[in-house]
C-alpha atoms as a PDB file:
ATOM      1  CA  MET A   1       1.580   2.951 -27.553  1.00  0.00           C
ATOM      2  CA  ILE A   2      -0.967   5.660 -26.704  1.00  0.00           C
ATOM      3  CA  ASN A   3      -0.079   8.196 -24.007  1.00  0.00           C
ATOM      4  CA  LEU A   4      -2.872  10.546 -23.032  1.00  0.00           C
ATOM      5  CA  LEU A   5      -3.580  13.446 -20.717  1.00  0.00           C
ATOM      6  CA  ILE A   6      -7.184  14.171 -19.713  1.00  0.00           C
ATOM      7  CA  MET A   7      -8.080  17.566 -18.296  1.00  0.00           C
ATOM      8  CA  GLY A   8     -11.017  19.894 -17.659  1.00  0.00           C
ATOM      9  CA  LYS A   9     -12.778  21.767 -14.889  1.00  0.00           C
ATOM     10  CA  PRO A  10     -13.343  19.881 -11.622  1.00  0.00           C
ATOM     11  CA  GLY A  11     -16.489  17.784 -12.048  1.00  0.00           C
ATOM     12  CA  ALA A  12     -16.424  17.919 -15.853  1.00  0.00           C
ATOM     13  CA  GLY A  13     -16.719  14.141 -16.137  1.00  0.00           C
ATOM     14  CA  LYS A  14     -13.041  13.313 -16.530  1.00  0.00           C
ATOM     15  CA  GLY A  15     -13.315  10.315 -14.205  1.00  0.00           C
ATOM     16  CA  THR A  16     -16.165   8.720 -16.127  1.00  0.00           C
ATOM     17  CA  GLN A  17     -14.451   9.193 -19.481  1.00  0.00           C
ATOM     18  CA  ALA A  18     -11.085   8.088 -18.099  1.00  0.00           C
ATOM     19  CA  LYS A  19     -12.531   4.706 -17.057  1.00  0.00           C
ATOM     20  CA  LYS A  20     -14.006   4.114 -20.509  1.00  0.00           C
ATOM     21  CA  ILE A  21     -10.803   5.159 -22.294  1.00  0.00           C
ATOM     22  CA  LEU A  22      -8.604   3.046 -20.019  1.00  0.00           C
ATOM     23  CA  ARG A  23     -10.686  -0.065 -20.707  1.00  0.00           C
ATOM     24  CA  HIS A  24     -10.910   0.594 -24.437  1.00  0.00           C
ATOM     25  CA  TYR A  25      -7.180   1.149 -25.002  1.00  0.00           C
ATOM     26  CA  HIS A  26      -5.893  -1.003 -22.090  1.00  0.00           C
ATOM     27  CA  LEU A  27      -3.912   1.892 -20.636  1.00  0.00           C
ATOM     28  CA  ALA A  28      -2.361   2.377 -17.206  1.00  0.00           C
ATOM     29  CA  HIS A  29      -4.012   5.074 -15.073  1.00  0.00           C
ATOM     30  CA  ILE A  30      -1.807   7.697 -13.421  1.00  0.00           C
ATOM     31  CA  SER A  31      -4.089   9.813 -11.230  1.00  0.00           C
ATOM     32  CA  THR A  32      -2.467  12.309  -8.898  1.00  0.00           C
ATOM     33  CA  GLY A  33      -5.825  12.661  -7.123  1.00  0.00           C
ATOM     34  CA  ASP A  34      -5.924   8.933  -6.365  1.00  0.00           C
ATOM     35  CA  ILE A  35      -2.284   8.988  -5.269  1.00  0.00           C
ATOM     36  CA  TYR A  36      -2.878  11.851  -2.862  1.00  0.00           C
ATOM     37  CA  ARG A  37      -6.134  10.388  -1.514  1.00  0.00           C
ATOM     38  CA  GLU A  38      -4.335   7.122  -0.731  1.00  0.00           C
ATOM     39  CA  GLU A  39      -1.536   9.014   1.007  1.00  0.00           C
ATOM     40  CA  MET A  40      -4.120  11.002   2.999  1.00  0.00           C
ATOM     41  CA  ARG A  41      -5.925   7.795   3.943  1.00  0.00           C
ATOM     42  CA  LYS A  42      -2.653   6.365   5.266  1.00  0.00           C
ATOM     43  CA  GLU A  43      -1.907   9.694   6.993  1.00  0.00           C
ATOM     44  CA  SER A  44       1.598   9.623   5.566  1.00  0.00           C
ATOM     45  CA  PRO A  45       3.762  12.779   5.813  1.00  0.00           C
ATOM     46  CA  ILE A  46       2.953  13.601   2.176  1.00  0.00           C
ATOM     47  CA  GLY A  47      -0.729  12.865   2.773  1.00  0.00           C
ATOM     48  CA  LEU A  48      -0.966  15.166   5.789  1.00  0.00           C
ATOM     49  CA  ILE A  49       0.604  18.036   3.864  1.00  0.00           C
ATOM     50  CA  ALA A  50      -1.598  17.418   0.802  1.00  0.00           C
ATOM     51  CA  LYS A  51      -4.746  17.328   2.961  1.00  0.00           C
ATOM     52  CA  GLN A  52      -4.153  20.900   4.105  1.00  0.00           C
ATOM     53  CA  TYR A  53      -4.249  22.109   0.490  1.00  0.00           C
ATOM     54  CA  VAL A  54      -7.085  19.846  -0.719  1.00  0.00           C
ATOM     55  CA  SER A  55      -9.407  20.819   2.151  1.00  0.00           C
ATOM     56  CA  ARG A  56      -9.072  24.463   1.037  1.00  0.00           C
ATOM     57  CA  GLY A  57      -9.623  23.619  -2.630  1.00  0.00           C
ATOM     58  CA  GLU A  58      -6.039  24.590  -3.442  1.00  0.00           C
ATOM     59  CA  LEU A  59      -3.483  22.841  -5.636  1.00  0.00           C
ATOM     60  CA  VAL A  60      -0.687  20.866  -4.003  1.00  0.00           C
ATOM     61  CA  PRO A  61       2.646  22.674  -4.730  1.00  0.00           C
ATOM     62  CA  ASP A  62       4.222  21.947  -8.113  1.00  0.00           C
ATOM     63  CA  ASP A  63       7.502  20.516  -6.841  1.00  0.00           C
ATOM     64  CA  MET A  64       5.706  17.996  -4.619  1.00  0.00           C
ATOM     65  CA  THR A  65       3.441  16.787  -7.431  1.00  0.00           C
ATOM     66  CA  ASN A  66       6.235  16.759 -10.024  1.00  0.00           C
ATOM     67  CA  ASP A  67       8.329  14.484  -7.790  1.00  0.00           C
ATOM     68  CA  ILE A  68       5.471  12.014  -7.309  1.00  0.00           C
ATOM     69  CA  VAL A  69       4.693  11.775 -11.038  1.00  0.00           C
ATOM     70  CA  GLU A  70       8.378  11.447 -11.917  1.00  0.00           C
ATOM     71  CA  GLU A  71       8.713   8.527  -9.504  1.00  0.00           C
ATOM     72  CA  VAL A  72       5.654   6.782 -10.946  1.00  0.00           C
ATOM     73  CA  LEU A  73       6.823   7.219 -14.548  1.00  0.00           C
ATOM     74  CA  HIS A  74      10.323   5.940 -13.762  1.00  0.00           C
ATOM     75  CA  THR A  75       9.317   2.908 -11.691  1.00  0.00           C
ATOM     76  CA  HIS A  76       6.497   1.408 -13.810  1.00  0.00           C
ATOM     77  CA  LYS A  77       6.228  -0.122 -17.271  1.00  0.00           C
ATOM     78  CA  TYR A  78       3.476   0.859 -19.701  1.00  0.00           C
ATOM     79  CA  PRO A  79       3.305  -1.645 -22.587  1.00  0.00           C
ATOM     80  CA  ASN A  80       0.146  -0.113 -24.103  1.00  0.00           C
ATOM     81  CA  GLY A  81       0.637   3.420 -22.817  1.00  0.00           C
ATOM     82  CA  PHE A  82      -0.810   5.487 -19.982  1.00  0.00           C
ATOM     83  CA  MET A  83      -3.331   8.177 -19.142  1.00  0.00           C
ATOM     84  CA  LEU A  84      -2.414  11.092 -16.878  1.00  0.00           C
ATOM     85  CA  ASP A  85      -5.392  12.343 -14.867  1.00  0.00           C
ATOM     86  CA  GLY A  86      -5.228  15.484 -12.717  1.00  0.00           C
ATOM     87  CA  TYR A  87      -1.704  16.355 -13.832  1.00  0.00           C
ATOM     88  CA  PRO A  88      -0.316  18.668 -15.079  1.00  0.00           C
ATOM     89  CA  ARG A  89      -2.475  21.534 -13.809  1.00  0.00           C
ATOM     90  CA  THR A  90      -0.052  24.414 -14.365  1.00  0.00           C
ATOM     91  CA  ARG A  91       2.318  25.407 -17.135  1.00  0.00           C
ATOM     92  CA  ALA A  92       5.287  24.748 -14.833  1.00  0.00           C
ATOM     93  CA  GLN A  93       4.023  21.199 -14.244  1.00  0.00           C
ATOM     94  CA  ALA A  94       3.530  20.741 -18.003  1.00  0.00           C
ATOM     95  CA  GLU A  95       7.098  21.801 -18.693  1.00  0.00           C
ATOM     96  CA  ALA A  96       8.379  19.444 -15.972  1.00  0.00           C
ATOM     97  CA  LEU A  97       6.344  16.618 -17.525  1.00  0.00           C
ATOM     98  CA  ASP A  98       7.835  17.351 -20.958  1.00  0.00           C
ATOM     99  CA  CYS A  99      11.325  16.988 -19.478  1.00  0.00           C
ATOM    100  CA  ASN A 100      10.459  13.727 -17.692  1.00  0.00           C
ATOM    101  CA  LEU A 101       8.886  12.201 -20.793  1.00  0.00           C
ATOM    102  CA  ALA A 102      11.820  13.256 -22.983  1.00  0.00           C
ATOM    103  CA  ARG A 103      14.283  11.558 -20.601  1.00  0.00           C
ATOM    104  CA  LEU A 104      12.230   8.354 -20.925  1.00  0.00           C
ATOM    105  CA  GLY A 105      11.925   8.622 -24.709  1.00  0.00           C
ATOM    106  CA  LEU A 106       8.156   9.086 -24.455  1.00  0.00           C
ATOM    107  CA  LYS A 107       5.685  11.668 -25.732  1.00  0.00           C
ATOM    108  CA  LEU A 108       1.986  12.451 -25.434  1.00  0.00           C
ATOM    109  CA  THR A 109      -0.371  11.279 -28.173  1.00  0.00           C
ATOM    110  CA  ALA A 110      -3.201  13.682 -27.324  1.00  0.00           C
ATOM    111  CA  VAL A 111      -4.455  16.014 -24.586  1.00  0.00           C
ATOM    112  CA  ILE A 112      -8.198  15.628 -23.988  1.00  0.00           C
ATOM    113  CA  ASN A 113     -10.043  18.642 -22.589  1.00  0.00           C
ATOM    114  CA  VAL A 114     -13.579  17.841 -21.388  1.00  0.00           C
ATOM    115  CA  ASP A 115     -15.320  21.225 -21.462  1.00  0.00           C
ATOM    116  CA  ILE A 116     -18.495  21.989 -19.458  1.00  0.00           C
ATOM    117  CA  ASN A 117     -20.800  24.856 -18.462  1.00  0.00           C
ATOM    118  CA  ASP A 118     -20.174  26.186 -14.927  1.00  0.00           C
ATOM    119  CA  GLU A 119     -23.837  25.859 -13.853  1.00  0.00           C
ATOM    120  CA  VAL A 120     -23.984  22.212 -14.929  1.00  0.00           C
ATOM    121  CA  LEU A 121     -20.706  21.618 -13.150  1.00  0.00           C
ATOM    122  CA  MET A 122     -21.947  23.048  -9.835  1.00  0.00           C
ATOM    123  CA  HIS A 123     -25.018  20.788  -9.980  1.00  0.00           C
ATOM    124  CA  ARG A 124     -22.858  17.739 -10.607  1.00  0.00           C
ATOM    125  CA  MET A 125     -20.413  18.480  -7.824  1.00  0.00           C
ATOM    126  CA  ALA A 126     -22.989  19.389  -5.176  1.00  0.00           C
ATOM    127  CA  GLY A 127     -24.803  16.080  -5.644  1.00  0.00           C
ATOM    128  CA  ARG A 128     -21.782  13.780  -5.927  1.00  0.00           C
ATOM    129  CA  ARG A 129     -21.291  11.145  -3.231  1.00  0.00           C
ATOM    130  CA  VAL A 130     -18.360   8.733  -2.967  1.00  0.00           C
ATOM    131  CA  CYS A 131     -17.743   5.463  -1.154  1.00  0.00           C
ATOM    132  CA  PRO A 132     -14.545   5.861   0.910  1.00  0.00           C
ATOM    133  CA  ASN A 133     -14.139   2.072   0.977  1.00  0.00           C
ATOM    134  CA  CYS A 134     -14.356   1.023  -2.706  1.00  0.00           C
ATOM    135  CA  GLN A 135     -14.316   4.464  -4.402  1.00  0.00           C
ATOM    136  CA  ALA A 136     -17.654   3.898  -6.200  1.00  0.00           C
ATOM    137  CA  THR A 137     -19.222   7.218  -7.222  1.00  0.00           C
ATOM    138  CA  TYR A 138     -22.891   8.273  -7.166  1.00  0.00           C
ATOM    139  CA  HIS A 139     -25.035  11.372  -7.654  1.00  0.00           C
ATOM    140  CA  VAL A 140     -28.077  12.076  -5.496  1.00  0.00           C
ATOM    141  CA  ALA A 141     -30.161  13.041  -8.563  1.00  0.00           C
ATOM    142  CA  ASN A 142     -28.557  11.523 -11.654  1.00  0.00           C
ATOM    143  CA  HIS A 143     -27.122   8.261 -10.288  1.00  0.00           C
ATOM    144  CA  PRO A 144     -28.455   7.591  -6.767  1.00  0.00           C
ATOM    145  CA  PRO A 145     -27.608   4.413  -4.804  1.00  0.00           C
ATOM    146  CA  GLN A 146     -30.387   1.876  -4.273  1.00  0.00           C
ATOM    147  CA  VAL A 147     -30.417   2.730  -0.562  1.00  0.00           C
ATOM    148  CA  PRO A 148     -29.906   6.450   0.128  1.00  0.00           C
ATOM    149  CA  GLY A 149     -26.467   7.124   1.541  1.00  0.00           C
ATOM    150  CA  ILE A 150     -25.281   3.507   1.188  1.00  0.00           C
ATOM    151  CA  CYS A 151     -22.894   2.095  -1.448  1.00  0.00           C
ATOM    152  CA  ASP A 152     -24.483  -0.493  -3.775  1.00  0.00           C
ATOM    153  CA  VAL A 153     -21.156  -2.294  -4.171  1.00  0.00           C
ATOM    154  CA  CYS A 154     -19.897  -2.805  -0.621  1.00  0.00           C
ATOM    155  CA  GLY A 155     -22.589  -1.420   1.697  1.00  0.00           C
ATOM    156  CA  HIS A 156     -20.349   1.285   3.173  1.00  0.00           C
ATOM    157  CA  GLU A 157     -21.785   4.692   4.095  1.00  0.00           C
ATOM    158  CA  LEU A 158     -21.276   7.283   1.359  1.00  0.00           C
ATOM    159  CA  ILE A 159     -19.625  10.633   1.953  1.00  0.00           C
ATOM    160  CA  GLN A 160     -19.382  14.016   0.279  1.00  0.00           C
ATOM    161  CA  ARG A 161     -15.737  14.865  -0.282  1.00  0.00           C
ATOM    162  CA  GLU A 162     -14.500  18.136   1.151  1.00  0.00           C
ATOM    163  CA  ASP A 163     -13.417  19.215  -2.336  1.00  0.00           C
ATOM    164  CA  ASP A 164     -16.979  18.632  -3.663  1.00  0.00           C
ATOM    165  CA  LYS A 165     -18.570  21.124  -1.272  1.00  0.00           C
ATOM    166  CA  GLU A 166     -19.679  24.471  -2.722  1.00  0.00           C
ATOM    167  CA  THR A 167     -17.023  26.676  -1.121  1.00  0.00           C
ATOM    168  CA  SER A 168     -14.245  24.359  -2.215  1.00  0.00           C
ATOM    169  CA  VAL A 169     -15.690  23.956  -5.733  1.00  0.00           C
ATOM    170  CA  LEU A 170     -15.897  27.726  -6.228  1.00  0.00           C
ATOM    171  CA  ASN A 171     -12.293  28.084  -5.092  1.00  0.00           C
ATOM    172  CA  ARG A 172     -11.171  25.241  -7.362  1.00  0.00           C
ATOM    173  CA  LEU A 173     -12.874  26.941 -10.319  1.00  0.00           C
ATOM    174  CA  ARG A 174     -11.149  30.209  -9.486  1.00  0.00           C
ATOM    175  CA  ILE A 175      -7.781  28.435  -9.391  1.00  0.00           C
ATOM    176  CA  TYR A 176      -8.580  26.555 -12.607  1.00  0.00           C
ATOM    177  CA  ASN A 177      -9.418  29.751 -14.468  1.00  0.00           C
ATOM    178  CA  LYS A 178      -6.255  31.446 -13.234  1.00  0.00           C
ATOM    179  CA  MET A 179      -3.700  28.643 -13.496  1.00  0.00           C
ATOM    180  CA  THR A 180      -4.965  25.668 -15.481  1.00  0.00           C
ATOM    181  CA  LYS A 181      -6.763  27.202 -18.458  1.00  0.00           C
ATOM    182  CA  PRO A 182      -3.452  28.493 -19.885  1.00  0.00           C
ATOM    183  CA  LEU A 183      -2.552  24.831 -20.439  1.00  0.00           C
ATOM    184  CA  ILE A 184      -5.217  24.712 -23.146  1.00  0.00           C
ATOM    185  CA  ASP A 185      -3.236  27.222 -25.218  1.00  0.00           C
ATOM    186  CA  TYR A 186       0.027  25.468 -24.330  1.00  0.00           C
ATOM    187  CA  TYR A 187      -1.138  22.129 -25.736  1.00  0.00           C
ATOM    188  CA  ARG A 188      -3.047  23.683 -28.623  1.00  0.00           C
ATOM    189  CA  GLU A 189       0.213  25.243 -29.802  1.00  0.00           C
ATOM    190  CA  LYS A 190       1.797  21.786 -29.674  1.00  0.00           C
ATOM    191  CA  GLY A 191      -1.006  20.364 -31.829  1.00  0.00           C
ATOM    192  CA  LEU A 192      -2.055  17.917 -29.121  1.00  0.00           C
ATOM    193  CA  LEU A 193      -5.340  19.434 -27.891  1.00  0.00           C
ATOM    194  CA  LEU A 194      -8.625  17.559 -28.334  1.00  0.00           C
ATOM    195  CA  VAL A 195     -11.679  19.460 -26.992  1.00  0.00           C
ATOM    196  CA  VAL A 196     -14.970  17.625 -26.353  1.00  0.00           C
ATOM    197  CA  ASP A 197     -18.293  18.919 -25.021  1.00  0.00           C
ATOM    198  CA  GLY A 198     -18.848  17.463 -21.541  1.00  0.00           C
ATOM    199  CA  ASP A 199     -22.536  18.512 -21.600  1.00  0.00           C
ATOM    200  CA  LEU A 200     -23.255  15.785 -24.184  1.00  0.00           C
ATOM    201  CA  PRO A 201     -24.368  12.258 -23.169  1.00  0.00           C
ATOM    202  CA  VAL A 202     -21.545  10.150 -21.726  1.00  0.00           C
ATOM    203  CA  ASN A 203     -21.364   7.703 -24.651  1.00  0.00           C
ATOM    204  CA  THR A 204     -21.418  10.537 -27.198  1.00  0.00           C
ATOM    205  CA  VAL A 205     -18.491  12.203 -25.428  1.00  0.00           C
ATOM    206  CA  PHE A 206     -16.606   8.901 -25.440  1.00  0.00           C
ATOM    207  CA  LYS A 207     -17.150   8.397 -29.187  1.00  0.00           C
ATOM    208  CA  GLU A 208     -15.894  11.924 -29.880  1.00  0.00           C
ATOM    209  CA  ILE A 209     -12.803  11.268 -27.781  1.00  0.00           C
ATOM    210  CA  CYS A 210     -12.001   7.987 -29.569  1.00  0.00           C
ATOM    211  CA  LYS A 211     -12.492   9.647 -32.957  1.00  0.00           C
ATOM    212  CA  GLY A 212     -10.128  12.431 -31.988  1.00  0.00           C
ATOM    213  CA  ILE A 213      -7.484  10.042 -30.634  1.00  0.00           C
ATOM    214  CA  GLU A 214      -7.517   8.016 -33.859  1.00  0.00           C
ATOM    215  CA  GLU A 215      -7.084  11.216 -35.875  1.00  0.00           C
ATOM    216  CA  LYS A 216      -4.094  12.184 -33.695  1.00  0.00           C
END
């Protein structure tokens, strides 16, 4: 069983690498971002509260996110392991995760940190477009759809997420630097941290990640 956590600045390429890792190791994907987006789409009570924070580029409160992850971990089976994506983002969340995993007799194999230059990150985020129907992701410069503004997969009109807009991205980076970066030291002290350069080509990053996981 391989249990992973993938982290990094918003727009660092975590999503792309997560898909490749999930396929390669046949892991279950636990994405708090996906969970919250689905709740927002349904306009559930949790979704409406989360939307207020996400639209401002702020983190959803720890207790709310901890409860959701705890429920997912306790109600699903993971024969090959899992990958956490977008959680934890604070030391308090990391400590809550440690407690939840210990109660289940589980532990993390490695914590992957995809590092990236801020200027490259801003370019990536500003040009990202997403299909709200099938969740396919594009970039206006690096990975444009065949028809501008239209999803190649399902033909739905593409959108720019609120949390990909410049004001939100800058706020998310500010929050990351204040609250999330301390997690790097937290997991380094535990001997779990695996840092890869997100500026490298996608396949090179993936090979570095796999090499690091095998070493762990």
